[in-house]
Amino acid sequence: MSTGPGLGRPDRADESPDEQPPGPGGPGAAADRTAVAGAPGDAEPASTPGTAPSGHAKWGTTTSGTAENVGYVPTNTGAPPPVPRKGPTQGESELVREALRDAKVSRETSTAAAATTATTVRTMTGRRDREWPRPDNCRIITIANQKGGVGKTTSSVNLAASLAMHGAQVLVVDLDPQGNASTALGVDHHAEVPSIYDVLIEDMSFADIVVPAPEIPNLYCAPATLNLAGAEIELVSKVARESRLRRALEAYDTDKFDYVLIDCPPSLGLLTVNALVGGDELLIPIQCEYYALEGLGQLIRTVDLVKAHLNQQLKVSTILLTMYDARTRLAAQVAEDVRNHFGDVVLNTVIPRSVRVSEAPSYGQSVMTYDPGSSGALAYSEAASEMAHAGAVQ
C-alpha cells in the first residue's frame, strides 16, 4: 500500500506528507510531492520563524549561477510573515552585535546587492566600448595589505585586465612568491623562467623578464617564481635593499606603459617594503569584515615610515572595498566606517562576492575574459574606470 501524499497510513493521518515515511514510489514520488507543494490548498510543513524552510526555498538567478545577491525566497508565499526573533540572528556573535549597535547604513551601501549590480550594469553600458582617458605619465601603483585573502591579487589582475581592455598599456609586477597573479594572467612561472627574483637578487633587467599576457592585448606581466620565497633573507645583505625594485623600474622604460601595478605578498616584509618604495601610489583592498580592519593601522604606520625615510612621493590614492555582501549589516557598517575615515580615496564601486571571480584563475584567465557579464567583472570594470578618470583629473 502506497504511503505517498493523499494515501498516508491511517495511524499517521495527522502528520504532514513530508513527515510520513516514503512509499514504494521512489524518487518519482518525491518529485511529484515537490511539484504539487505550491498548489493552492496544499498543506506545507511549518517553518521556524526567522529561518529558511528546509526543502522549500529557491535561489534567485545571478550571472554566476549562485546566490550572490539574494537570500532565501520561500515558496509558501501565502503564509503569514515570520515573527522577528529577539535572539541573535544566524552567524552573529556578542562581539558583532556590540559592534553593530546603533549602526547606520551609509547612502552608498544601504541598497541590496542586486540593486548595486543593476546600477553597475547601467553605468557600464555607455563605457564598455570606449577608451578611457590615459594618464600623462606612467602611474606606478602598489597594491598592498598585509592581511591575506582580502583580494590583492584578484584586484591587481582584474583591474589591470580592465584597463588594458580599454586602451591602456599595463604591466603587472608579481611580487608574491605564490605567483598567483602570473597564474591568473596565463603566464608561465616555473623555476626556470626568468622572474622578478632575478631582478631583485641578480640585478637582471626588467626587459629580460617582462612577457605579454596571452589572453589580453596591451597587458604584460613580470612573473614570480618560488625562488622569490627566499628573497626576503637574501635581500638582507644587499646594498640599498629597500629600493632595489625602485632602481630596477627606473632603469626600465616604464614610459611605454600607462600603469604599473605591483602585487604584494600578504606581509610587511622586505618585498612589500620594496613595493612601497617602488610605487608612487598605494591601493589598499579591504575586505568588508572587521578582521580586515585590524591590521590596517599597522599598514598605514608602515606607509608613513616609508614616506618619511624612503619614498616621499608615496600616497594612499585608492581604497577598494572587496567581497561585499549586501545581505549583512556587517558589510554595510565596515563600508561606512572606511568611507568616514578615508573619505574620497575610497572608490564608490564595491566588489561583490562572486564565484566567477574565484573560478577564473583556474582557467588561467581574469574574470574580465572568463565571464565579462558577471557581477564581479562589471564591478571591477567600473572600479578601473573610476581609477582611470580620477587619474586623468589629477
Protein backbone atom coordinates (compact mmCIF):
# COMPACT_ATOMS: atom_id res chain seq x y z
CA MET A 1 0.00 0.00 0.00
CA SER A 2 1.44 3.37 -1.01
CA THR A 3 2.14 5.92 1.69
CA GLY A 4 2.56 8.99 -0.54
CA PRO A 5 0.54 12.21 -0.21
CA GLY A 6 -3.20 11.51 -0.08
CA LEU A 7 -2.60 7.82 0.60
CA GLY A 8 -0.99 8.02 4.02
CA ARG A 9 -1.35 5.43 6.74
CA PRO A 10 -4.50 5.84 8.87
CA ASP A 11 -2.49 5.73 12.07
CA ARG A 12 -0.38 8.70 10.88
CA ALA A 13 -3.14 10.76 9.27
CA ASP A 14 -2.41 13.75 11.48
CA GLU A 15 1.13 14.10 10.07
CA SER A 16 2.06 16.18 7.03
CA PRO A 17 3.04 14.31 3.85
CA ASP A 18 6.73 15.15 4.33
CA GLU A 19 6.71 13.56 7.77
CA GLN A 20 5.27 10.28 6.53
CA PRO A 21 7.70 7.53 5.55
CA PRO A 22 8.42 7.24 1.82
CA GLY A 23 6.41 4.73 -0.13
CA PRO A 24 7.43 2.46 -2.98
CA GLY A 25 7.06 5.31 -5.48
CA GLY A 26 10.84 6.04 -5.20
CA PRO A 27 12.37 9.27 -6.48
CA GLY A 28 9.49 9.89 -8.86
CA ALA A 29 7.04 10.07 -6.00
CA ALA A 30 9.29 12.56 -4.21
CA ALA A 31 9.38 14.71 -7.33
CA ASP A 32 5.58 14.61 -7.53
CA ARG A 33 5.31 15.82 -3.97
CA THR A 34 7.69 18.70 -4.75
CA ALA A 35 5.73 19.63 -7.86
CA VAL A 36 2.44 19.99 -6.03
CA ALA A 37 3.84 21.58 -2.89
CA GLY A 38 3.00 25.09 -4.05
CA ALA A 39 -0.53 24.29 -5.31
CA PRO A 40 -3.43 26.10 -3.60
CA GLY A 41 -4.82 24.26 -0.65
CA ASP A 42 -1.78 22.08 -0.07
CA ALA A 43 -0.56 21.94 3.47
CA GLU A 44 3.13 22.67 3.89
CA PRO A 45 5.26 21.94 6.90
CA ALA A 46 5.54 24.88 9.22
CA SER A 47 8.88 26.64 9.20
CA THR A 48 10.65 28.02 12.21
CA PRO A 49 10.33 31.82 12.28
CA GLY A 50 13.47 33.54 11.05
CA THR A 51 14.89 30.51 9.21
CA ALA A 52 14.63 29.31 5.65
CA PRO A 53 12.09 26.49 5.18
CA SER A 54 14.07 23.33 4.61
CA GLY A 55 13.48 21.92 1.15
CA HIS A 56 11.10 24.72 0.21
CA ALA A 57 13.42 27.55 -0.81
CA LYS A 58 14.88 28.59 -4.09
CA TRP A 59 17.70 30.91 -5.05
CA GLY A 60 17.35 33.89 -7.33
CA THR A 61 19.15 33.80 -10.65
CA THR A 62 22.51 35.58 -10.88
CA THR A 63 25.10 35.80 -13.60
CA SER A 64 27.42 33.41 -11.81
CA GLY A 65 24.73 30.84 -11.22
CA THR A 66 24.99 31.19 -7.44
CA ALA A 67 23.18 33.07 -4.76
CA GLU A 68 25.48 36.06 -4.70
CA ASN A 69 22.98 38.79 -4.24
CA VAL A 70 19.83 37.25 -2.89
CA GLY A 71 18.78 35.12 0.04
CA TYR A 72 16.12 32.51 0.58
CA VAL A 73 12.86 33.00 -1.28
CA PRO A 74 10.25 30.79 0.37
CA THR A 75 7.70 29.19 -1.92
CA ASN A 76 4.87 29.35 0.62
CA THR A 77 4.08 32.96 -0.28
CA GLY A 78 0.61 32.69 1.21
CA ALA A 79 1.94 32.07 4.70
CA PRO A 80 2.00 34.91 7.23
CA PRO A 81 5.30 36.77 7.59
CA PRO A 82 7.73 35.27 10.14
CA VAL A 83 7.79 36.77 13.60
CA PRO A 84 11.07 38.62 14.24
CA ARG A 85 13.33 36.82 16.64
CA LYS A 86 14.58 38.50 19.76
CA GLY A 87 17.77 36.48 19.97
CA PRO A 88 20.86 36.81 17.74
CA THR A 89 20.49 36.02 14.07
CA GLN A 90 22.41 33.18 12.49
CA GLY A 91 26.14 33.91 12.36
CA GLU A 92 26.05 36.77 14.85
CA SER A 93 28.16 36.78 17.97
CA GLU A 94 28.11 39.04 21.01
CA LEU A 95 31.08 40.95 19.56
CA VAL A 96 29.35 41.58 16.24
CA ARG A 97 26.09 42.63 17.90
CA GLU A 98 28.02 45.06 20.08
CA ALA A 99 29.83 46.50 17.06
CA LEU A 100 26.61 46.91 15.12
CA ARG A 101 24.62 48.53 17.92
CA ASP A 102 23.08 51.79 16.70
CA ALA A 103 24.68 51.16 13.29
CA LYS A 104 23.55 53.38 10.44
CA VAL A 105 23.87 52.27 6.85
CA SER A 106 25.54 54.80 4.57
CA ARG A 107 23.93 56.04 1.42
CA GLU A 108 26.33 54.14 -0.81
CA THR A 109 25.81 50.80 0.91
CA SER A 110 22.18 50.83 2.04
CA THR A 111 20.76 49.19 -1.07
CA ALA A 112 20.66 45.50 -1.79
CA ALA A 113 23.44 43.87 -3.77
CA ALA A 114 21.07 43.25 -6.64
CA ALA A 115 20.40 46.96 -6.91
CA THR A 116 24.15 47.63 -6.74
CA THR A 117 24.78 45.24 -9.61
CA ALA A 118 21.94 46.75 -11.64
CA THR A 119 23.42 50.23 -11.15
CA THR A 120 26.81 48.98 -12.25
CA VAL A 121 25.31 47.43 -15.37
CA ARG A 122 23.57 50.69 -16.26
CA THR A 123 26.76 52.69 -15.76
CA MET A 124 28.86 50.26 -17.75
CA THR A 125 26.53 50.30 -20.74
CA GLY A 126 27.94 53.54 -22.10
CA ARG A 127 31.58 52.93 -21.14
CA ARG A 128 32.26 49.35 -22.15
CA ASP A 129 33.30 50.06 -25.75
CA ARG A 130 35.00 53.41 -25.19
CA GLU A 131 38.66 54.05 -24.44
CA TRP A 132 39.21 55.62 -21.07
CA PRO A 133 41.46 58.65 -20.53
CA ARG A 134 45.13 57.76 -20.20
CA PRO A 135 47.44 59.42 -17.68
CA ASP A 136 50.11 61.89 -18.79
CA ASN A 137 52.80 59.87 -17.03
CA CYS A 138 53.05 56.23 -16.03
CA ARG A 139 51.20 55.56 -12.77
CA ILE A 140 53.08 53.05 -10.61
CA ILE A 141 50.51 51.67 -8.15
CA THR A 142 51.37 49.30 -5.31
CA ILE A 143 48.52 47.05 -4.20
CA ALA A 144 49.17 46.04 -0.61
CA ASN A 145 47.50 44.84 2.57
CA GLN A 146 49.36 42.58 4.98
CA LYS A 147 46.20 40.60 5.71
CA GLY A 148 45.78 37.62 3.41
CA GLY A 149 42.63 36.83 1.48
CA VAL A 150 41.38 40.39 1.03
CA GLY A 151 41.63 40.40 -2.77
CA LYS A 152 45.06 41.89 -3.54
CA THR A 153 45.96 39.55 -6.38
CA THR A 154 42.39 39.33 -7.67
CA SER A 155 42.15 43.11 -7.75
CA SER A 156 45.57 43.51 -9.36
CA VAL A 157 44.75 41.11 -12.19
CA ASN A 158 41.22 42.26 -12.91
CA LEU A 159 41.92 45.98 -12.65
CA ALA A 160 44.91 45.53 -14.96
CA ALA A 161 42.87 43.47 -17.43
CA SER A 162 40.05 46.01 -17.46
CA LEU A 163 42.42 48.94 -18.01
CA ALA A 164 44.18 47.08 -20.84
CA MET A 165 40.85 46.23 -22.49
CA HIS A 166 40.06 49.95 -22.62
CA GLY A 167 43.21 51.03 -24.41
CA ALA A 168 45.82 51.39 -21.65
CA GLN A 169 49.26 49.76 -21.68
CA VAL A 170 49.55 47.89 -18.37
CA LEU A 171 52.34 45.97 -16.62
CA VAL A 172 51.64 43.70 -13.64
CA VAL A 173 54.65 43.07 -11.40
CA ASP A 174 54.03 39.86 -9.44
CA LEU A 175 55.90 40.29 -6.16
CA ASP A 176 54.14 37.44 -4.34
CA PRO A 177 56.17 34.18 -4.11
CA GLN A 178 52.95 32.23 -4.65
CA GLY A 179 52.79 33.58 -8.19
CA ASN A 180 49.01 33.76 -8.26
CA ALA A 181 48.92 36.87 -10.45
CA SER A 182 51.11 35.12 -13.00
CA THR A 183 48.75 32.14 -12.95
CA ALA A 184 45.67 34.30 -13.43
CA LEU A 185 47.27 36.00 -16.43
CA GLY A 186 48.21 32.68 -18.02
CA VAL A 187 51.96 33.37 -17.76
CA ASP A 188 54.48 30.57 -17.10
CA HIS A 189 56.26 30.93 -13.77
CA HIS A 190 58.09 27.68 -13.14
CA ALA A 191 61.56 27.68 -11.59
CA GLU A 192 63.50 28.04 -14.88
CA VAL A 193 61.59 31.13 -16.03
CA PRO A 194 63.38 34.50 -15.59
CA SER A 195 61.39 36.28 -12.90
CA ILE A 196 61.24 39.22 -10.55
CA TYR A 197 63.59 37.27 -8.25
CA ASP A 198 66.38 37.68 -10.81
CA VAL A 199 65.69 41.41 -10.95
CA LEU A 200 65.88 41.87 -7.18
CA ILE A 201 68.75 39.49 -6.41
CA GLU A 202 70.73 39.02 -9.63
CA ASP A 203 70.34 42.59 -10.99
CA MET A 204 68.66 41.36 -14.17
CA SER A 205 66.82 43.93 -16.26
CA PHE A 206 63.02 44.11 -16.40
CA ALA A 207 63.33 43.89 -20.19
CA ASP A 208 64.57 40.30 -19.80
CA ILE A 209 61.62 39.06 -17.75
CA VAL A 210 58.52 41.00 -18.92
CA VAL A 211 56.24 38.86 -21.11
CA PRO A 212 52.85 39.61 -22.71
CA ALA A 213 49.69 38.08 -21.23
CA PRO A 214 48.35 35.68 -23.87
CA GLU A 215 44.65 36.46 -23.40
CA ILE A 216 44.60 40.27 -23.43
CA PRO A 217 46.42 42.71 -25.72
CA ASN A 218 48.26 45.63 -24.06
CA LEU A 219 48.74 43.61 -20.85
CA TYR A 220 52.18 42.45 -19.69
CA CYS A 221 53.50 40.60 -16.66
CA ALA A 222 56.74 40.34 -14.73
CA PRO A 223 56.23 36.83 -13.27
CA ALA A 224 57.15 35.49 -9.84
CA THR A 225 58.58 32.05 -9.10
CA LEU A 226 59.06 30.09 -5.90
CA ASN A 227 62.64 31.37 -5.79
CA LEU A 228 61.13 34.62 -4.55
CA ALA A 229 60.29 32.91 -1.25
CA GLY A 230 63.97 33.12 -0.27
CA ALA A 231 64.41 36.68 -1.43
CA GLU A 232 63.40 38.09 1.96
CA ILE A 233 66.52 36.55 3.51
CA GLU A 234 68.83 37.22 0.56
CA LEU A 235 67.85 40.89 0.43
CA VAL A 236 69.07 41.47 3.98
CA SER A 237 72.72 41.51 2.91
CA LYS A 238 72.15 43.56 -0.25
CA VAL A 239 73.10 47.21 -0.56
CA ALA A 240 70.06 49.54 -0.61
CA ARG A 241 67.86 46.50 -0.01
CA GLU A 242 64.65 48.54 0.35
CA SER A 243 64.98 50.33 -3.01
CA ARG A 244 66.16 47.60 -5.38
CA LEU A 245 62.78 47.38 -7.12
CA ARG A 246 62.66 51.16 -7.49
CA ARG A 247 66.06 51.28 -9.15
CA ALA A 248 65.13 48.44 -11.50
CA LEU A 249 61.95 50.24 -12.56
CA GLU A 250 63.85 53.50 -13.12
CA ALA A 251 66.34 51.66 -15.34
CA TYR A 252 63.47 50.19 -17.34
CA ASP A 253 61.49 52.15 -19.93
CA THR A 254 58.25 52.45 -17.96
CA ASP A 255 57.13 55.41 -20.07
CA LYS A 256 55.73 52.97 -22.64
CA PHE A 257 53.20 51.88 -20.01
CA ASP A 258 50.28 53.83 -18.64
CA TYR A 259 50.03 51.74 -15.46
CA VAL A 260 52.40 49.52 -13.50
CA LEU A 261 50.52 47.52 -10.85
CA ILE A 262 52.67 45.83 -8.19
CA ASP A 263 51.00 42.87 -6.47
CA CYS A 264 52.38 42.38 -2.95
CA PRO A 265 52.60 39.32 -0.67
CA PRO A 266 50.43 39.22 2.48
CA SER A 267 53.14 40.55 4.80
CA LEU A 268 55.08 43.68 5.71
CA GLY A 269 58.49 42.22 4.93
CA LEU A 270 61.21 43.45 2.60
CA LEU A 271 59.26 42.51 -0.54
CA THR A 272 56.34 44.71 0.47
CA VAL A 273 58.69 47.50 1.55
CA ASN A 274 60.35 47.31 -1.87
CA ALA A 275 56.93 47.63 -3.47
CA LEU A 276 56.07 50.66 -1.30
CA VAL A 277 59.36 52.32 -2.17
CA GLY A 278 58.94 51.45 -5.85
CA GLY A 279 55.42 52.83 -6.22
CA ASP A 280 54.06 56.35 -6.32
CA GLU A 281 50.55 55.38 -5.26
CA LEU A 282 49.12 52.81 -2.88
CA LEU A 283 45.89 50.92 -3.48
CA ILE A 284 44.54 49.10 -0.43
CA PRO A 285 41.92 46.38 -0.94
CA ILE A 286 39.80 45.97 2.19
CA GLN A 287 37.53 43.00 2.75
CA CYS A 288 34.20 44.06 4.22
CA GLU A 289 34.79 42.31 7.54
CA TYR A 290 36.22 43.59 10.81
CA TYR A 291 39.23 41.29 10.72
CA ALA A 292 40.38 43.15 7.62
CA LEU A 293 40.42 46.41 9.57
CA GLU A 294 42.58 45.17 12.43
CA GLY A 295 45.90 45.39 10.63
CA LEU A 296 45.07 48.49 8.63
CA GLY A 297 46.57 50.80 11.24
CA GLN A 298 49.87 48.93 11.10
CA LEU A 299 49.92 49.22 7.31
CA ILE A 300 49.30 52.98 7.48
CA ARG A 301 52.12 53.37 10.03
CA THR A 302 54.45 51.46 7.69
CA VAL A 303 53.42 53.75 4.83
CA ASP A 304 54.20 56.79 6.97
CA LEU A 305 57.67 55.40 7.77
CA VAL A 306 58.36 54.74 4.10
CA LYS A 307 57.22 58.27 3.20
CA ALA A 308 59.42 59.81 5.87
CA HIS A 309 62.62 57.92 5.07
CA LEU A 310 62.48 56.22 1.66
CA ASN A 311 59.78 57.50 -0.70
CA GLN A 312 58.27 60.91 -0.14
CA GLN A 313 56.06 60.62 -3.25
CA LEU A 314 54.09 57.67 -1.90
CA LYS A 315 50.44 58.39 -1.16
CA VAL A 316 47.33 56.34 -0.45
CA SER A 317 45.41 57.14 -3.62
CA THR A 318 42.78 54.39 -3.73
CA ILE A 319 40.91 52.12 -1.32
CA LEU A 320 38.79 49.35 -2.80
CA LEU A 321 36.09 47.55 -0.81
CA THR A 322 36.01 43.86 -1.75
CA MET A 323 33.92 40.77 -1.02
CA TYR A 324 30.90 42.92 -0.22
CA ASP A 325 27.77 41.03 0.82
CA ALA A 326 24.77 43.36 0.98
CA ARG A 327 22.71 40.76 2.84
CA THR A 328 24.67 41.54 6.00
CA ARG A 329 24.63 44.68 8.10
CA LEU A 330 28.25 43.97 8.95
CA ALA A 331 29.42 44.67 5.40
CA ALA A 332 27.46 47.91 5.32
CA GLN A 333 28.92 49.03 8.65
CA VAL A 334 32.50 48.24 7.62
CA ALA A 335 32.00 50.12 4.35
CA GLU A 336 30.60 53.13 6.19
CA ASP A 337 33.47 53.15 8.70
CA VAL A 338 36.06 53.02 5.92
CA ARG A 339 34.34 55.81 3.97
CA ASN A 340 34.07 58.03 7.05
CA HIS A 341 37.74 57.54 7.90
CA PHE A 342 39.38 57.76 4.46
CA GLY A 343 36.91 59.95 2.58
CA ASP A 344 37.22 60.45 -1.17
CA VAL A 345 40.04 57.96 -1.74
CA VAL A 346 37.50 55.13 -1.27
CA LEU A 347 36.06 54.12 -4.64
CA ASN A 348 32.29 54.35 -4.97
CA THR A 349 32.25 50.91 -6.58
CA VAL A 350 32.32 47.92 -4.26
CA ILE A 351 33.30 44.43 -5.40
CA PRO A 352 30.62 41.84 -4.53
CA ARG A 353 31.29 38.24 -3.68
CA SER A 354 31.32 36.34 -6.96
CA VAL A 355 32.04 32.71 -7.71
CA ARG A 356 33.10 33.64 -11.24
CA VAL A 357 35.92 35.78 -9.86
CA SER A 358 37.23 32.78 -7.94
CA GLU A 359 36.79 30.37 -10.85
CA ALA A 360 38.62 32.44 -13.46
CA PRO A 361 42.26 31.79 -12.30
CA SER A 362 41.77 28.03 -12.59
CA TYR A 363 41.42 28.61 -16.35
CA GLY A 364 44.44 30.95 -16.49
CA GLN A 365 42.22 33.96 -17.07
CA SER A 366 40.95 37.07 -15.39
CA VAL A 367 37.23 37.34 -14.81
CA MET A 368 37.17 40.02 -17.49
CA THR A 369 37.73 37.37 -20.18
CA TYR A 370 36.30 34.37 -18.33
CA ASP A 371 32.83 35.84 -17.81
CA PRO A 372 32.62 39.51 -18.86
CA GLY A 373 28.93 39.73 -17.94
CA SER A 374 29.28 38.54 -14.37
CA SER A 375 28.71 40.88 -11.47
CA GLY A 376 32.37 40.64 -10.46
CA ALA A 377 33.61 41.58 -13.94
CA LEU A 378 31.24 44.53 -14.17
CA ALA A 379 32.25 45.76 -10.72
CA TYR A 380 36.00 45.54 -11.43
CA SER A 381 35.49 47.29 -14.77
CA GLU A 382 33.63 50.11 -13.06
CA ALA A 383 36.31 50.37 -10.36
CA ALA A 384 39.02 50.55 -13.04
CA SER A 385 37.02 53.27 -14.80
CA GLU A 386 36.92 55.30 -11.59
CA MET A 387 40.70 54.95 -11.25
CA ALA A 388 41.30 55.95 -14.86
CA HIS A 389 39.08 59.02 -14.76
CA ALA A 390 40.37 60.12 -11.33
CA GLY A 391 43.95 59.88 -12.62
CA ALA A 392 43.08 61.95 -15.67
CA VAL A 393 41.56 64.68 -13.47
CA GLN A 394 44.61 64.79 -11.25
